[in-house]
Protein backbone atom coordinates (compact mmCIF):
# COMPACT_ATOMS: atom_id res chain seq x y z
CA MET A 1 -54.99 -59.52 -51.15
CA LYS A 2 -56.05 -57.13 -48.41
CA VAL A 3 -56.00 -58.01 -44.74
CA TYR A 4 -58.64 -56.33 -42.62
CA GLU A 5 -57.81 -55.61 -39.00
CA LEU A 6 -60.36 -55.12 -36.26
CA SER A 7 -58.88 -54.00 -32.98
CA ARG A 8 -59.81 -52.50 -29.70
CA SER A 9 -57.56 -51.11 -27.00
CA TYR A 10 -57.64 -49.48 -23.63
CA TYR A 11 -54.21 -48.39 -22.43
CA GLU A 12 -52.00 -51.52 -22.61
CA ASP A 13 -54.95 -53.91 -22.99
CA THR A 14 -55.40 -54.62 -26.68
CA ALA A 15 -56.97 -57.24 -28.89
CA THR A 16 -56.72 -57.61 -32.65
CA TRP A 17 -58.56 -59.78 -35.16
CA LEU A 18 -57.42 -60.21 -38.75
CA TYR A 19 -59.66 -61.16 -41.67
CA PHE A 20 -59.56 -61.76 -45.38
CA HIS A 21 -62.48 -61.03 -47.70
CA PRO A 22 -62.85 -62.59 -51.18
CA GLU A 23 -64.16 -59.29 -52.55
CA ASP A 24 -61.86 -56.30 -52.71
CA LYS A 25 -63.53 -54.19 -50.02
CA THR A 26 -62.33 -50.67 -49.30
CA ASP A 27 -61.41 -49.30 -45.89
CA THR A 28 -64.75 -47.50 -45.88
CA ASP A 29 -66.60 -50.74 -46.68
CA PHE A 30 -64.85 -52.51 -43.80
CA HIS A 31 -65.59 -49.68 -41.37
CA THR A 32 -69.23 -49.60 -42.50
CA ASP A 33 -69.51 -53.38 -42.02
CA VAL A 34 -68.05 -53.18 -38.50
CA VAL A 35 -70.36 -50.33 -37.47
CA TYR A 36 -73.31 -52.24 -38.95
CA LEU A 37 -72.51 -55.26 -36.76
CA LEU A 38 -71.93 -53.11 -33.67
CA LYS A 39 -75.44 -51.73 -34.08
CA LYS A 40 -77.07 -54.98 -35.21
CA TYR A 41 -75.76 -56.97 -32.24
CA GLY A 42 -75.67 -54.14 -29.69
CA MET A 43 -78.77 -55.19 -27.76
CA GLU A 44 -77.77 -58.85 -27.90
CA TYR A 45 -74.37 -57.93 -26.46
CA MET A 46 -75.89 -55.87 -23.66
CA ASP A 47 -78.44 -58.60 -22.83
CA GLU A 48 -75.68 -61.22 -22.61
CA GLU A 49 -73.13 -59.06 -20.78
CA GLU A 50 -73.08 -59.84 -17.06
CA GLY A 51 -70.77 -56.99 -16.12
CA TRP A 52 -70.04 -53.45 -17.19
CA ILE A 53 -70.88 -52.45 -20.76
CA GLY A 54 -67.76 -51.25 -22.56
CA VAL A 55 -66.10 -50.78 -25.91
CA ASP A 56 -63.67 -53.65 -25.33
CA SER A 57 -66.24 -56.37 -24.77
CA TRP A 58 -68.66 -54.89 -27.35
CA VAL A 59 -66.03 -55.06 -30.11
CA SER A 60 -64.98 -58.53 -28.93
CA HIS A 61 -68.61 -59.60 -29.17
CA ILE A 62 -68.97 -58.63 -32.82
CA ALA A 63 -65.51 -59.87 -33.88
CA LYS A 64 -66.94 -63.37 -34.12
CA ARG A 65 -69.82 -62.03 -36.29
CA LEU A 66 -67.73 -60.69 -39.20
CA PRO A 67 -67.87 -64.05 -41.05
CA GLU A 68 -71.60 -63.38 -41.52
CA LEU A 69 -70.54 -60.66 -43.97
CA GLY A 70 -68.06 -62.88 -45.80
CA TYR A 71 -64.93 -62.08 -43.79
CA ILE A 72 -62.67 -65.05 -43.20
CA PRO A 73 -60.65 -65.01 -39.94
CA ILE A 74 -56.90 -65.32 -40.40
CA ASP A 75 -54.99 -67.39 -37.89
CA THR A 76 -51.69 -65.77 -37.08
CA LEU A 77 -48.46 -66.90 -35.52
CA SER A 78 -46.59 -64.39 -33.45
CA CYS A 79 -43.22 -63.95 -31.88
CA GLY A 80 -43.00 -61.17 -29.32
CA PHE A 81 -40.52 -59.93 -26.77
CA PHE A 82 -40.86 -57.78 -23.68
CA GLY A 83 -38.12 -55.59 -22.32
CA GLY A 84 -36.82 -52.12 -21.74
CA SER A 85 -34.92 -49.85 -24.07
CA ILE A 86 -31.73 -50.14 -21.97
CA LEU A 87 -30.61 -53.65 -21.07
CA LYS A 88 -29.67 -54.24 -17.44
CA LYS A 89 -28.13 -57.17 -15.59
CA THR A 90 -31.58 -58.13 -14.33
CA ASP A 91 -32.90 -58.77 -17.86
CA LEU A 92 -32.08 -62.47 -17.60
CA ALA A 93 -34.94 -63.52 -19.87
CA TRP A 94 -33.24 -61.63 -22.72
CA GLU A 95 -29.96 -63.39 -21.94
CA GLU A 96 -31.77 -66.69 -22.46
CA VAL A 97 -32.90 -65.48 -25.90
CA VAL A 98 -29.63 -64.06 -27.28
CA GLY A 99 -27.10 -66.04 -25.24
CA SER A 100 -24.53 -65.05 -22.64
CA LEU A 101 -21.91 -63.75 -25.07
CA LEU A 102 -24.16 -61.18 -26.79
CA PHE A 103 -25.87 -60.28 -23.52
CA SER A 104 -22.53 -59.59 -21.80
CA GLU A 105 -21.34 -57.48 -24.74
CA ALA A 106 -24.57 -55.45 -24.68
CA LEU A 107 -24.14 -54.82 -20.93
CA ARG A 108 -20.47 -53.83 -21.45
CA ARG A 109 -21.44 -51.28 -24.12
CA ASN A 110 -24.25 -49.89 -21.97
CA ASP A 111 -21.79 -49.52 -19.08
CA ILE A 112 -19.43 -47.51 -21.30
CA ILE A 113 -22.26 -45.20 -22.39
CA GLU A 114 -23.49 -44.79 -18.82
CA ASN A 115 -19.98 -43.94 -17.57
CA GLU A 116 -19.46 -41.38 -20.34
CA LEU A 117 -22.83 -39.76 -19.65
CA ASN A 118 -22.03 -39.59 -15.93
CA MET A 119 -18.71 -37.91 -16.74
CA LYS A 120 -20.54 -35.33 -18.90
CA ILE A 121 -23.06 -34.65 -16.15
CA MET A 122 -20.25 -34.09 -13.66
CA GLY A 123 -18.54 -31.77 -16.17
CA ARG A 124 -15.38 -33.83 -16.45
CA ASP A 125 -15.71 -34.69 -20.12
CA LYS A 126 -16.73 -32.46 -22.99
CA GLY A 127 -16.37 -35.04 -25.81
CA PRO A 128 -19.08 -37.01 -27.63
CA VAL A 129 -20.63 -40.16 -26.21
CA ALA A 130 -19.18 -43.40 -27.62
CA ARG A 131 -20.67 -44.82 -30.81
CA PHE A 132 -19.99 -48.41 -31.77
């Protein structure tokens, strides 16, 4: 079974729609179908749009039209997290997820790495940075 993904993005603003199709369509078939709908419903989209015309809202407009070509929308469940690549004491939302014990240990290890890097920068230590 193939899953077909229609998406649009502009910097951090993204939207994705997933579909299934009973026939085994190729990537080219899917792309051709999407472009067909973009053209077919282009004037309708522009007539209905009350604001600026743009790729984001144009693609969103035709996403609901893919079932006309036999595509079946797939409902998805997601689990996502937001956070930086270096945990800090202010990342309390992550502490709620993983618990105080793991969060404290992560902060302790980051402190060790930060201290060793600072020593290297100041030229006081020539050894490797700690690896756990």
